[in-house]
Amino acid sequence: MKEQAYSIFKKYKKYILTIAFLLAVLICVVNFVNYSNKQRNFQELKIYFYDAITEDIYSEEVHVEIAKNENEKMNFLFAELMRGPKKKNNIYKVPPQVKILKTGLTEDRTLQVVFNEKYREMETIDEIIFRTLFVWTMTELEFIDKIDFYIANEGDEDIKVYTNSFNYLAQGLNSFNRENVQVNPDIMNLKRVVKQKVIIYIPDYTEKHLKEVEMTLDLNVDHPQRNVVENILNGFEIDGQQIQIFADGIKVKGAETQSSSVCYIDMSPEFLTNISQDVELEKLQIYSIVNSLAKLKMKTIKEVQFLVDNKRIDMEKYRGKIDLSVPLTYNEEIVGSVINTESGGN
């Protein structure tokens, strides 16, 4: 039987090899045509993911139809990002509850994206990683250079600019691109950031007293007092109303609580001149910081000493009337109403 088969093969060997060669050529031609069509009809893009072992981002290639419009391409990339990577081990996964409610493109190639309120519930480290992946993935598209992040309730027209992370809020960044978004965040440092309920004292300029408000802030366990002051300087949104306590330009340069329970707050030089000259308003500004720090559970603070450039304040250069050359303590007399509804920092 084998001899018969070999005899047939030998007899028709030339034809068999010719047919095999032609089939191979045909397969190559078909593959080339398919590849050419794919190259012609599809755009190669990258989706970015985060590897927890290397603590860095990496990319996986995807192909999107060139014929798709801008919205369809954006939706495709976001769906691929949410679907997750092919590599499964030790890879950060985007929280599935985070949804895009609305998008818009501006003439300067800025993508304005509105997320649902679940975005706020992410831990700081998760939010920063997600933001990095989202920015790098979406800026793969040639019509997007930067991204503005917004937050809204589903079905709610009240859309807020998202600047809730203290580390970016301190830099005053609203738009993110590949230059200013973190590629490999300091994981060990970020793991020391926790969401903490705190009491913040907000001025009531009509009643001339401080309102006690409970809110949840991202605080570094090593320097929570600095984070509290940063949030107060940058202002808050309470019940849809923007509360700006201090004038722009004032920065906190450092904060340290010593064993004597005195908290030293080092302010930028603008603190000397940008304070209110109205003694009542000045008192509300100063004690919004002092009283808030005194209520901070993560540190035992009994007195607050203001500094400028790490030096005691020269009262001759200070525009206000309160003596800041000495430590200040919690002022109960200036506290009025209490707001029980929890609010978030802006």
C-alpha atoms as a PDB file:
ATOM      1  CA  MET A   1       0.000   0.000   0.000  1.00  0.00           C
ATOM      2  CA  LYS A   2       2.833   2.343   0.916  1.00  0.00           C
ATOM      3  CA  GLU A   3       4.708   1.425  -2.226  1.00  0.00           C
ATOM      4  CA  GLN A   4       1.595   2.181  -4.324  1.00  0.00           C
ATOM      5  CA  ALA A   5       1.165   5.588  -2.671  1.00  0.00           C
ATOM      6  CA  TYR A   6       4.832   6.422  -3.154  1.00  0.00           C
ATOM      7  CA  SER A   7       4.565   5.373  -6.800  1.00  0.00           C
ATOM      8  CA  ILE A   8       1.597   7.707  -7.340  1.00  0.00           C
ATOM      9  CA  PHE A   9       3.415  10.585  -5.576  1.00  0.00           C
ATOM     10  CA  LYS A  10       6.515  10.014  -7.660  1.00  0.00           C
ATOM     11  CA  LYS A  11       4.456   9.930 -10.851  1.00  0.00           C
ATOM     12  CA  TYR A  12       2.570  13.188 -10.056  1.00  0.00           C
ATOM     13  CA  LYS A  13       5.256  14.822  -7.878  1.00  0.00           C
ATOM     14  CA  LYS A  14       5.750  17.733 -10.245  1.00  0.00           C
ATOM     15  CA  TYR A  15       2.037  18.557 -10.302  1.00  0.00           C
ATOM     16  CA  ILE A  16       1.619  18.118  -6.549  1.00  0.00           C
ATOM     17  CA  LEU A  17       4.524  20.447  -5.793  1.00  0.00           C
ATOM     18  CA  THR A  18       3.233  22.967  -8.309  1.00  0.00           C
ATOM     19  CA  ILE A  19      -0.243  22.940  -6.711  1.00  0.00           C
ATOM     20  CA  ALA A  20       1.294  23.262  -3.213  1.00  0.00           C
ATOM     21  CA  PHE A  21       3.393  26.196  -4.370  1.00  0.00           C
ATOM     22  CA  LEU A  22       0.391  27.907  -5.941  1.00  0.00           C
ATOM     23  CA  LEU A  23      -1.642  27.400  -2.757  1.00  0.00           C
ATOM     24  CA  ALA A  24       1.167  28.917  -0.703  1.00  0.00           C
ATOM     25  CA  VAL A  25       1.327  31.891  -3.053  1.00  0.00           C
ATOM     26  CA  LEU A  26      -2.460  32.264  -2.917  1.00  0.00           C
ATOM     27  CA  ILE A  27      -2.416  32.243   0.890  1.00  0.00           C
ATOM     28  CA  CYS A  28       0.321  34.885   0.899  1.00  0.00           C
ATOM     29  CA  VAL A  29      -1.616  37.044  -1.548  1.00  0.00           C
ATOM     30  CA  VAL A  30      -4.821  36.751   0.504  1.00  0.00           C
ATOM     31  CA  ASN A  31      -2.950  37.620   3.706  1.00  0.00           C
ATOM     32  CA  PHE A  32      -1.272  40.567   1.997  1.00  0.00           C
ATOM     33  CA  VAL A  33      -4.595  41.835   0.670  1.00  0.00           C
ATOM     34  CA  ASN A  34      -6.172  41.475   4.098  1.00  0.00           C
ATOM     35  CA  TYR A  35      -3.211  43.246   5.688  1.00  0.00           C
ATOM     36  CA  SER A  36      -3.365  46.027   3.099  1.00  0.00           C
ATOM     37  CA  ASN A  37      -7.095  46.431   3.646  1.00  0.00           C
ATOM     38  CA  LYS A  38      -6.539  46.500   7.392  1.00  0.00           C
ATOM     39  CA  GLN A  39      -3.807  49.090   7.005  1.00  0.00           C
ATOM     40  CA  ARG A  40      -6.073  51.112   4.752  1.00  0.00           C
ATOM     41  CA  ASN A  41      -9.256  50.778   6.806  1.00  0.00           C
ATOM     42  CA  PHE A  42      -7.946  50.584  10.382  1.00  0.00           C
ATOM     43  CA  GLN A  43      -5.879  52.880  12.555  1.00  0.00           C
ATOM     44  CA  GLU A  44      -3.397  51.381  15.003  1.00  0.00           C
ATOM     45  CA  LEU A  45      -3.653  52.895  18.500  1.00  0.00           C
ATOM     46  CA  LYS A  46      -2.386  52.065  21.973  1.00  0.00           C
ATOM     47  CA  ILE A  47      -4.286  51.406  25.189  1.00  0.00           C
ATOM     48  CA  TYR A  48      -2.288  52.086  28.339  1.00  0.00           C
ATOM     49  CA  PHE A  49      -2.371  49.922  31.472  1.00  0.00           C
ATOM     50  CA  TYR A  50      -0.529  49.898  34.798  1.00  0.00           C
ATOM     51  CA  ASP A  51       1.748  47.063  35.934  1.00  0.00           C
ATOM     52  CA  ALA A  52       1.869  46.836  39.740  1.00  0.00           C
ATOM     53  CA  ILE A  53       5.160  44.899  39.662  1.00  0.00           C
ATOM     54  CA  THR A  54       7.182  47.355  37.573  1.00  0.00           C
ATOM     55  CA  GLU A  55       5.116  50.276  38.942  1.00  0.00           C
ATOM     56  CA  ASP A  56       4.913  51.777  35.468  1.00  0.00           C
ATOM     57  CA  ILE A  57       2.525  51.976  32.545  1.00  0.00           C
ATOM     58  CA  TYR A  58       2.761  49.851  29.418  1.00  0.00           C
ATOM     59  CA  SER A  59       0.729  49.709  26.209  1.00  0.00           C
ATOM     60  CA  GLU A  60      -1.196  47.167  24.157  1.00  0.00           C
ATOM     61  CA  GLU A  61      -2.072  47.752  20.497  1.00  0.00           C
ATOM     62  CA  VAL A  62      -5.628  47.889  19.186  1.00  0.00           C
ATOM     63  CA  HIS A  63      -7.091  48.699  15.781  1.00  0.00           C
ATOM     64  CA  VAL A  64      -9.983  51.074  15.263  1.00  0.00           C
ATOM     65  CA  GLU A  65     -11.833  51.632  12.016  1.00  0.00           C
ATOM     66  CA  ILE A  66     -10.716  54.851  10.339  1.00  0.00           C
ATOM     67  CA  ALA A  67     -14.286  55.414   9.154  1.00  0.00           C
ATOM     68  CA  LYS A  68     -15.515  55.841  12.735  1.00  0.00           C
ATOM     69  CA  ASN A  69     -16.258  59.410  13.812  1.00  0.00           C
ATOM     70  CA  GLU A  70     -14.521  61.137  16.737  1.00  0.00           C
ATOM     71  CA  ASN A  71     -17.090  60.107  19.352  1.00  0.00           C
ATOM     72  CA  GLU A  72     -17.066  56.498  18.186  1.00  0.00           C
ATOM     73  CA  LYS A  73     -13.266  56.378  18.404  1.00  0.00           C
ATOM     74  CA  MET A  74     -13.291  57.862  21.921  1.00  0.00           C
ATOM     75  CA  ASN A  75     -15.960  55.421  23.061  1.00  0.00           C
ATOM     76  CA  PHE A  76     -14.014  52.523  21.551  1.00  0.00           C
ATOM     77  CA  LEU A  77     -10.807  53.468  23.388  1.00  0.00           C
ATOM     78  CA  PHE A  78     -12.614  53.940  26.709  1.00  0.00           C
ATOM     79  CA  ALA A  79     -14.378  50.573  26.302  1.00  0.00           C
ATOM     80  CA  GLU A  80     -11.027  48.892  25.621  1.00  0.00           C
ATOM     81  CA  LEU A  81      -9.486  50.587  28.652  1.00  0.00           C
ATOM     82  CA  MET A  82     -12.369  49.427  30.857  1.00  0.00           C
ATOM     83  CA  ARG A  83     -12.210  45.912  29.400  1.00  0.00           C
ATOM     84  CA  GLY A  84      -8.694  45.594  30.729  1.00  0.00           C
ATOM     85  CA  PRO A  85      -5.412  44.221  29.394  1.00  0.00           C
ATOM     86  CA  LYS A  86      -4.634  40.846  27.843  1.00  0.00           C
ATOM     87  CA  LYS A  87      -1.979  40.442  30.511  1.00  0.00           C
ATOM     88  CA  LYS A  88      -3.904  39.550  33.661  1.00  0.00           C
ATOM     89  CA  ASN A  89      -1.437  39.217  36.542  1.00  0.00           C
ATOM     90  CA  ASN A  90      -0.571  42.167  38.791  1.00  0.00           C
ATOM     91  CA  ILE A  91      -2.340  44.649  36.540  1.00  0.00           C
ATOM     92  CA  TYR A  92      -4.381  47.567  37.884  1.00  0.00           C
ATOM     93  CA  LYS A  93      -8.012  47.363  36.803  1.00  0.00           C
ATOM     94  CA  VAL A  94     -10.152  50.445  36.261  1.00  0.00           C
ATOM     95  CA  PRO A  95     -13.059  50.524  38.767  1.00  0.00           C
ATOM     96  CA  PRO A  96     -16.061  49.326  36.718  1.00  0.00           C
ATOM     97  CA  GLN A  97     -18.483  51.766  38.377  1.00  0.00           C
ATOM     98  CA  VAL A  98     -16.724  54.759  36.813  1.00  0.00           C
ATOM     99  CA  LYS A  99     -18.717  55.951  33.805  1.00  0.00           C
ATOM    100  CA  ILE A 100     -18.492  58.758  31.272  1.00  0.00           C
ATOM    101  CA  LEU A 101     -21.690  60.828  31.217  1.00  0.00           C
ATOM    102  CA  LYS A 102     -20.767  63.370  28.565  1.00  0.00           C
ATOM    103  CA  THR A 103     -17.850  64.470  26.375  1.00  0.00           C
ATOM    104  CA  GLY A 104     -17.073  67.526  24.318  1.00  0.00           C
ATOM    105  CA  LEU A 105     -14.201  68.742  22.144  1.00  0.00           C
ATOM    106  CA  THR A 106     -13.006  72.342  22.034  1.00  0.00           C
ATOM    107  CA  GLU A 107     -11.238  74.143  19.202  1.00  0.00           C
ATOM    108  CA  ASP A 108      -7.895  73.900  21.031  1.00  0.00           C
ATOM    109  CA  ARG A 109      -8.129  70.077  20.948  1.00  0.00           C
ATOM    110  CA  THR A 110      -9.185  69.752  24.590  1.00  0.00           C
ATOM    111  CA  LEU A 111     -11.397  66.812  25.497  1.00  0.00           C
ATOM    112  CA  GLN A 112     -13.887  67.816  28.185  1.00  0.00           C
ATOM    113  CA  VAL A 113     -15.078  64.636  29.865  1.00  0.00           C
ATOM    114  CA  VAL A 114     -17.770  64.406  32.536  1.00  0.00           C
ATOM    115  CA  PHE A 115     -17.584  61.386  34.860  1.00  0.00           C
ATOM    116  CA  ASN A 116     -20.253  60.184  37.266  1.00  0.00           C
ATOM    117  CA  GLU A 117     -19.940  60.763  41.025  1.00  0.00           C
ATOM    118  CA  LYS A 118     -18.394  57.285  41.468  1.00  0.00           C
ATOM    119  CA  TYR A 119     -15.163  58.862  40.251  1.00  0.00           C
ATOM    120  CA  ARG A 120     -14.864  60.650  43.624  1.00  0.00           C
ATOM    121  CA  GLU A 121     -15.072  57.361  45.528  1.00  0.00           C
ATOM    122  CA  MET A 122     -11.783  56.079  44.141  1.00  0.00           C
ATOM    123  CA  GLU A 123      -8.870  56.015  46.544  1.00  0.00           C
ATOM    124  CA  THR A 124      -6.253  58.642  45.738  1.00  0.00           C
ATOM    125  CA  ILE A 125      -3.772  56.139  44.323  1.00  0.00           C
ATOM    126  CA  ASP A 126      -6.477  54.544  42.129  1.00  0.00           C
ATOM    127  CA  GLU A 127      -7.651  57.919  40.860  1.00  0.00           C
ATOM    128  CA  ILE A 128      -4.144  59.050  39.919  1.00  0.00           C
ATOM    129  CA  ILE A 129      -3.393  55.788  38.105  1.00  0.00           C
ATOM    130  CA  PHE A 130      -6.718  55.901  36.267  1.00  0.00           C
ATOM    131  CA  ARG A 131      -6.204  59.545  35.308  1.00  0.00           C
ATOM    132  CA  THR A 132      -2.757  58.716  33.889  1.00  0.00           C
ATOM    133  CA  LEU A 133      -4.071  55.761  31.865  1.00  0.00           C
ATOM    134  CA  PHE A 134      -7.044  57.758  30.596  1.00  0.00           C
ATOM    135  CA  VAL A 135      -4.920  60.745  29.521  1.00  0.00           C
ATOM    136  CA  TRP A 136      -2.285  58.633  27.769  1.00  0.00           C
ATOM    137  CA  THR A 137      -4.907  56.479  26.052  1.00  0.00           C
ATOM    138  CA  MET A 138      -7.154  59.311  24.851  1.00  0.00           C
ATOM    139  CA  THR A 139      -4.272  61.454  23.603  1.00  0.00           C
ATOM    140  CA  GLU A 140      -3.447  58.622  21.203  1.00  0.00           C
ATOM    141  CA  LEU A 141      -6.161  60.212  19.073  1.00  0.00           C
ATOM    142  CA  GLU A 142      -4.764  62.903  16.794  1.00  0.00           C
ATOM    143  CA  PHE A 143      -7.567  65.341  17.645  1.00  0.00           C
ATOM    144  CA  ILE A 144      -6.914  65.352  21.444  1.00  0.00           C
ATOM    145  CA  ASP A 145      -3.984  67.157  23.102  1.00  0.00           C
ATOM    146  CA  LYS A 146      -5.243  67.566  26.673  1.00  0.00           C
ATOM    147  CA  ILE A 147      -8.174  66.616  28.895  1.00  0.00           C
ATOM    148  CA  ASP A 148     -10.374  68.514  31.361  1.00  0.00           C
ATOM    149  CA  PHE A 149     -11.954  66.344  34.068  1.00  0.00           C
ATOM    150  CA  TYR A 150     -15.484  67.085  35.330  1.00  0.00           C
ATOM    151  CA  ILE A 151     -17.839  65.419  37.797  1.00  0.00           C
ATOM    152  CA  ALA A 152     -21.658  65.264  37.796  1.00  0.00           C
ATOM    153  CA  ASN A 153     -24.475  63.160  39.163  1.00  0.00           C
ATOM    154  CA  GLU A 154     -26.187  61.010  36.539  1.00  0.00           C
ATOM    155  CA  GLY A 155     -29.112  62.992  35.176  1.00  0.00           C
ATOM    156  CA  ASP A 156     -27.855  66.138  36.920  1.00  0.00           C
ATOM    157  CA  GLU A 157     -26.982  69.269  34.969  1.00  0.00           C
ATOM    158  CA  ASP A 158     -24.767  70.494  37.818  1.00  0.00           C
ATOM    159  CA  ILE A 159     -21.292  69.791  36.442  1.00  0.00           C
ATOM    160  CA  LYS A 160     -18.233  70.603  38.549  1.00  0.00           C
ATOM    161  CA  VAL A 161     -14.594  70.877  37.518  1.00  0.00           C
ATOM    162  CA  TYR A 162     -12.745  68.022  39.188  1.00  0.00           C
ATOM    163  CA  THR A 163      -9.777  69.255  41.241  1.00  0.00           C
ATOM    164  CA  ASN A 164     -10.203  67.101  44.326  1.00  0.00           C
ATOM    165  CA  SER A 165      -6.704  65.609  44.569  1.00  0.00           C
ATOM    166  CA  PHE A 166      -4.641  67.786  46.859  1.00  0.00           C
ATOM    167  CA  ASN A 167      -1.407  67.065  45.036  1.00  0.00           C
ATOM    168  CA  TYR A 168      -2.746  68.524  41.795  1.00  0.00           C
ATOM    169  CA  LEU A 169      -4.946  71.132  43.415  1.00  0.00           C
ATOM    170  CA  ALA A 170      -1.815  72.602  44.988  1.00  0.00           C
ATOM    171  CA  GLN A 171      -0.403  73.051  41.481  1.00  0.00           C
ATOM    172  CA  GLY A 172      -3.596  74.647  40.208  1.00  0.00           C
ATOM    173  CA  LEU A 173      -3.973  72.187  37.326  1.00  0.00           C
ATOM    174  CA  ASN A 174      -7.347  71.628  35.686  1.00  0.00           C
ATOM    175  CA  SER A 175      -6.182  70.331  32.286  1.00  0.00           C
ATOM    176  CA  PHE A 176      -4.033  67.236  31.982  1.00  0.00           C
ATOM    177  CA  ASN A 177      -1.730  66.131  29.187  1.00  0.00           C
ATOM    178  CA  ARG A 178       1.216  63.762  28.866  1.00  0.00           C
ATOM    179  CA  GLU A 179       3.585  66.332  30.327  1.00  0.00           C
ATOM    180  CA  ASN A 180       1.811  67.085  33.621  1.00  0.00           C
ATOM    181  CA  VAL A 181       0.070  63.817  34.425  1.00  0.00           C
ATOM    182  CA  GLN A 182       2.031  61.341  36.531  1.00  0.00           C
ATOM    183  CA  VAL A 183       3.423  58.370  34.602  1.00  0.00           C
ATOM    184  CA  ASN A 184       4.754  56.397  37.544  1.00  0.00           C
ATOM    185  CA  PRO A 185       3.329  57.945  40.752  1.00  0.00           C
ATOM    186  CA  ASP A 186       5.247  57.596  44.003  1.00  0.00           C
ATOM    187  CA  ILE A 187       3.356  54.513  45.149  1.00  0.00           C
ATOM    188  CA  MET A 188       4.900  54.297  48.611  1.00  0.00           C
ATOM    189  CA  ASN A 189       4.038  57.924  49.272  1.00  0.00           C
ATOM    190  CA  LEU A 190       0.531  57.618  47.822  1.00  0.00           C
ATOM    191  CA  LYS A 191      -0.191  54.593  49.989  1.00  0.00           C
ATOM    192  CA  ARG A 192       0.212  56.944  52.931  1.00  0.00           C
ATOM    193  CA  VAL A 193      -2.696  59.062  51.668  1.00  0.00           C
ATOM    194  CA  VAL A 194      -6.048  58.233  53.232  1.00  0.00           C
ATOM    195  CA  LYS A 195      -9.561  59.583  53.007  1.00  0.00           C
ATOM    196  CA  GLN A 196     -10.342  61.156  56.352  1.00  0.00           C
ATOM    197  CA  LYS A 197     -13.410  62.871  57.772  1.00  0.00           C
ATOM    198  CA  VAL A 198     -12.399  66.236  59.166  1.00  0.00           C
ATOM    199  CA  ILE A 199     -14.034  69.332  60.627  1.00  0.00           C
ATOM    200  CA  ILE A 200     -13.399  72.462  58.580  1.00  0.00           C
ATOM    201  CA  TYR A 201     -14.476  75.921  59.688  1.00  0.00           C
ATOM    202  CA  ILE A 202     -16.014  77.960  56.875  1.00  0.00           C
ATOM    203  CA  PRO A 203     -16.680  81.724  57.252  1.00  0.00           C
ATOM    204  CA  ASP A 204     -20.253  82.979  57.234  1.00  0.00           C
ATOM    205  CA  TYR A 205     -19.615  86.526  56.087  1.00  0.00           C
ATOM    206  CA  THR A 206     -23.196  87.599  56.747  1.00  0.00           C
ATOM    207  CA  GLU A 207     -23.348  86.445  60.366  1.00  0.00           C
ATOM    208  CA  LYS A 208     -19.630  87.140  60.926  1.00  0.00           C
ATOM    209  CA  HIS A 209     -18.904  83.731  62.439  1.00  0.00           C
ATOM    210  CA  LEU A 210     -17.458  80.351  61.441  1.00  0.00           C
ATOM    211  CA  LYS A 211     -19.615  77.413  60.397  1.00  0.00           C
ATOM    212  CA  GLU A 212     -18.483  73.922  61.305  1.00  0.00           C
ATOM    213  CA  VAL A 213     -18.573  71.610  58.287  1.00  0.00           C
ATOM    214  CA  GLU A 214     -17.709  67.917  58.204  1.00  0.00           C
ATOM    215  CA  MET A 215     -16.109  66.817  54.950  1.00  0.00           C
ATOM    216  CA  THR A 216     -13.902  64.046  53.598  1.00  0.00           C
ATOM    217  CA  LEU A 217     -10.433  65.017  52.388  1.00  0.00           C
ATOM    218  CA  ASP A 218      -7.403  63.150  51.055  1.00  0.00           C
ATOM    219  CA  LEU A 219      -4.777  63.493  53.780  1.00  0.00           C
ATOM    220  CA  ASN A 220      -1.202  62.279  53.931  1.00  0.00           C
ATOM    221  CA  VAL A 221      -0.772  60.493  57.269  1.00  0.00           C
ATOM    222  CA  ASP A 222       2.606  62.198  57.744  1.00  0.00           C
ATOM    223  CA  HIS A 223       1.497  65.752  56.896  1.00  0.00           C
ATOM    224  CA  PRO A 224      -2.289  66.022  57.312  1.00  0.00           C
ATOM    225  CA  GLN A 225      -2.069  69.542  58.724  1.00  0.00           C
ATOM    226  CA  ARG A 226      -0.491  70.809  55.502  1.00  0.00           C
ATOM    227  CA  ASN A 227      -3.240  69.196  53.416  1.00  0.00           C
ATOM    228  CA  VAL A 228      -5.928  70.823  55.578  1.00  0.00           C
ATOM    229  CA  VAL A 229      -4.380  74.280  55.128  1.00  0.00           C
ATOM    230  CA  GLU A 230      -3.944  73.706  51.359  1.00  0.00           C
ATOM    231  CA  ASN A 231      -7.640  72.909  51.033  1.00  0.00           C
ATOM    232  CA  ILE A 232      -8.660  75.978  53.031  1.00  0.00           C
ATOM    233  CA  LEU A 233      -6.437  78.233  50.902  1.00  0.00           C
ATOM    234  CA  ASN A 234      -7.888  76.824  47.687  1.00  0.00           C
ATOM    235  CA  GLY A 235     -11.506  77.088  48.812  1.00  0.00           C
ATOM    236  CA  PHE A 236     -14.485  74.753  48.826  1.00  0.00           C
ATOM    237  CA  GLU A 237     -17.765  74.141  47.096  1.00  0.00           C
ATOM    238  CA  ILE A 238     -20.618  73.902  49.612  1.00  0.00           C
ATOM    239  CA  ASP A 239     -24.139  73.143  48.357  1.00  0.00           C
ATOM    240  CA  GLY A 240     -23.235  74.360  44.885  1.00  0.00           C
ATOM    241  CA  GLN A 241     -21.723  77.599  46.183  1.00  0.00           C
ATOM    242  CA  GLN A 242     -18.028  78.326  45.789  1.00  0.00           C
ATOM    243  CA  ILE A 243     -16.465  79.448  49.098  1.00  0.00           C
ATOM    244  CA  GLN A 244     -13.175  81.293  48.647  1.00  0.00           C
ATOM    245  CA  ILE A 245     -11.690  82.142  52.050  1.00  0.00           C
ATOM    246  CA  PHE A 246      -8.331  83.578  51.029  1.00  0.00           C
ATOM    247  CA  ALA A 247      -7.187  85.637  48.055  1.00  0.00           C
ATOM    248  CA  ASP A 248      -5.311  83.864  45.284  1.00  0.00           C
ATOM    249  CA  GLY A 249      -1.559  83.593  45.534  1.00  0.00           C
ATOM    250  CA  ILE A 250      -1.144  82.513  49.155  1.00  0.00           C
ATOM    251  CA  LYS A 251       0.595  79.148  49.463  1.00  0.00           C
ATOM    252  CA  VAL A 252       1.552  76.912  52.368  1.00  0.00           C
ATOM    253  CA  LYS A 253       5.241  76.028  52.171  1.00  0.00           C
ATOM    254  CA  GLY A 254       5.354  73.633  55.087  1.00  0.00           C
ATOM    255  CA  ALA A 255       3.632  72.437  58.256  1.00  0.00           C
ATOM    256  CA  GLU A 256       5.077  70.698  61.282  1.00  0.00           C
ATOM    257  CA  THR A 257       3.624  69.780  64.659  1.00  0.00           C
ATOM    258  CA  GLN A 258       6.121  69.489  67.469  1.00  0.00           C
ATOM    259  CA  SER A 259       5.902  67.416  70.639  1.00  0.00           C
ATOM    260  CA  SER A 260       4.715  70.527  72.465  1.00  0.00           C
ATOM    261  CA  SER A 261       1.488  70.321  70.371  1.00  0.00           C
ATOM    262  CA  VAL A 262       2.358  73.558  68.587  1.00  0.00           C
ATOM    263  CA  CYS A 263       1.707  73.396  64.833  1.00  0.00           C
ATOM    264  CA  TYR A 264       4.027  75.637  62.802  1.00  0.00           C
ATOM    265  CA  ILE A 265       2.503  76.726  59.485  1.00  0.00           C
ATOM    266  CA  ASP A 266       5.000  78.227  57.052  1.00  0.00           C
ATOM    267  CA  MET A 267       3.233  80.509  54.564  1.00  0.00           C
ATOM    268  CA  SER A 268       4.420  82.238  51.402  1.00  0.00           C
ATOM    269  CA  PRO A 269       5.164  86.016  51.554  1.00  0.00           C
ATOM    270  CA  GLU A 270       1.796  86.780  49.906  1.00  0.00           C
ATOM    271  CA  PHE A 271       0.201  85.913  53.259  1.00  0.00           C
ATOM    272  CA  LEU A 272       1.474  89.222  54.664  1.00  0.00           C
ATOM    273  CA  THR A 273      -0.231  91.433  52.088  1.00  0.00           C
ATOM    274  CA  ASN A 274      -3.179  89.416  50.735  1.00  0.00           C
ATOM    275  CA  ILE A 275      -4.965  89.097  54.079  1.00  0.00           C
ATOM    276  CA  SER A 276      -8.158  91.128  54.621  1.00  0.00           C
ATOM    277  CA  GLN A 277      -7.718  94.545  56.240  1.00  0.00           C
ATOM    278  CA  ASP A 278     -11.211  94.289  57.734  1.00  0.00           C
ATOM    279  CA  VAL A 279     -10.558  93.038  61.259  1.00  0.00           C
ATOM    280  CA  GLU A 280     -13.726  90.883  61.334  1.00  0.00           C
ATOM    281  CA  LEU A 281     -12.954  89.242  58.001  1.00  0.00           C
ATOM    282  CA  GLU A 282      -9.318  88.780  58.979  1.00  0.00           C
ATOM    283  CA  LYS A 283     -10.439  86.993  62.141  1.00  0.00           C
ATOM    284  CA  LEU A 284     -12.614  84.635  60.073  1.00  0.00           C
ATOM    285  CA  GLN A 285      -9.712  83.874  57.737  1.00  0.00           C
ATOM    286  CA  ILE A 286      -7.128  83.241  60.423  1.00  0.00           C
ATOM    287  CA  TYR A 287      -9.352  81.166  62.682  1.00  0.00           C
ATOM    288  CA  SER A 288     -10.712  79.080  59.813  1.00  0.00           C
ATOM    289  CA  ILE A 289      -7.176  77.625  59.775  1.00  0.00           C
ATOM    290  CA  VAL A 290      -6.524  77.634  63.533  1.00  0.00           C
ATOM    291  CA  ASN A 291      -9.849  76.052  64.528  1.00  0.00           C
ATOM    292  CA  SER A 292      -9.708  73.455  61.716  1.00  0.00           C
ATOM    293  CA  LEU A 293      -6.220  72.346  62.763  1.00  0.00           C
ATOM    294  CA  ALA A 294      -7.241  72.189  66.417  1.00  0.00           C
ATOM    295  CA  LYS A 295     -10.021  69.723  65.465  1.00  0.00           C
ATOM    296  CA  LEU A 296      -7.734  67.500  63.371  1.00  0.00           C
ATOM    297  CA  LYS A 297      -7.853  64.028  64.936  1.00  0.00           C
ATOM    298  CA  MET A 298      -4.756  62.746  63.167  1.00  0.00           C
ATOM    299  CA  LYS A 299      -2.555  65.173  65.117  1.00  0.00           C
ATOM    300  CA  THR A 300      -2.709  66.681  68.614  1.00  0.00           C
ATOM    301  CA  ILE A 301      -2.661  70.427  67.998  1.00  0.00           C
ATOM    302  CA  LYS A 302      -3.301  72.900  70.806  1.00  0.00           C
ATOM    303  CA  GLU A 303      -1.645  75.993  69.325  1.00  0.00           C
ATOM    304  CA  VAL A 304      -0.923  77.268  65.814  1.00  0.00           C
ATOM    305  CA  GLN A 305       2.077  79.442  65.052  1.00  0.00           C
ATOM    306  CA  PHE A 306       2.091  81.187  61.670  1.00  0.00           C
ATOM    307  CA  LEU A 307       5.442  81.722  59.941  1.00  0.00           C
ATOM    308  CA  VAL A 308       6.473  83.339  56.657  1.00  0.00           C
ATOM    309  CA  ASP A 309       9.504  81.897  54.890  1.00  0.00           C
ATOM    310  CA  ASN A 310      10.091  79.823  58.034  1.00  0.00           C
ATOM    311  CA  LYS A 311      10.484  82.943  60.208  1.00  0.00           C
ATOM    312  CA  ARG A 312       8.298  84.539  62.862  1.00  0.00           C
ATOM    313  CA  ILE A 313       5.999  87.119  61.331  1.00  0.00           C
ATOM    314  CA  ASP A 314       7.217  90.725  61.438  1.00  0.00           C
ATOM    315  CA  MET A 315       4.048  92.551  62.455  1.00  0.00           C
ATOM    316  CA  GLU A 316       5.279  95.761  60.801  1.00  0.00           C
ATOM    317  CA  LYS A 317       5.080  93.985  57.432  1.00  0.00           C
ATOM    318  CA  TYR A 318       1.767  92.253  58.153  1.00  0.00           C
ATOM    319  CA  ARG A 319      -1.306  94.010  56.756  1.00  0.00           C
ATOM    320  CA  GLY A 320      -3.733  92.572  59.317  1.00  0.00           C
ATOM    321  CA  LYS A 321      -4.449  93.448  62.949  1.00  0.00           C
ATOM    322  CA  ILE A 322      -4.265  90.080  64.752  1.00  0.00           C
ATOM    323  CA  ASP A 323      -0.963  89.511  66.519  1.00  0.00           C
ATOM    324  CA  LEU A 324       0.516  86.558  64.624  1.00  0.00           C
ATOM    325  CA  SER A 325       3.904  86.791  66.268  1.00  0.00           C
ATOM    326  CA  VAL A 326       2.566  84.497  68.998  1.00  0.00           C
ATOM    327  CA  PRO A 327       0.778  81.104  68.801  1.00  0.00           C
ATOM    328  CA  LEU A 328      -3.025  81.111  68.521  1.00  0.00           C
ATOM    329  CA  THR A 329      -5.477  78.678  70.125  1.00  0.00           C
ATOM    330  CA  TYR A 330      -8.949  77.405  69.224  1.00  0.00           C
ATOM    331  CA  ASN A 331     -11.477  80.269  69.314  1.00  0.00           C
ATOM    332  CA  GLU A 332     -14.855  79.006  70.481  1.00  0.00           C
ATOM    333  CA  GLU A 333     -16.507  82.432  70.557  1.00  0.00           C
ATOM    334  CA  ILE A 334     -16.266  82.845  66.793  1.00  0.00           C
ATOM    335  CA  VAL A 335     -18.016  79.527  66.035  1.00  0.00           C
ATOM    336  CA  GLY A 336     -21.676  79.719  65.102  1.00  0.00           C
ATOM    337  CA  SER A 337     -23.847  77.238  63.192  1.00  0.00           C
ATOM    338  CA  VAL A 338     -22.927  73.640  62.482  1.00  0.00           C
ATOM    339  CA  ILE A 339     -23.528  72.048  59.073  1.00  0.00           C
ATOM    340  CA  ASN A 340     -24.090  68.299  59.440  1.00  0.00           C
ATOM    341  CA  THR A 341     -24.284  67.539  55.720  1.00  0.00           C
ATOM    342  CA  GLU A 342     -20.972  66.153  54.548  1.00  0.00           C
ATOM    343  CA  SER A 343     -19.319  68.119  51.784  1.00  0.00           C
ATOM    344  CA  GLY A 344     -16.282  67.443  49.636  1.00  0.00           C
ATOM    345  CA  GLY A 345     -13.316  69.669  49.016  1.00  0.00           C
ATOM    346  CA  ASN A 346     -13.139  71.396  45.693  1.00  0.00           C
END
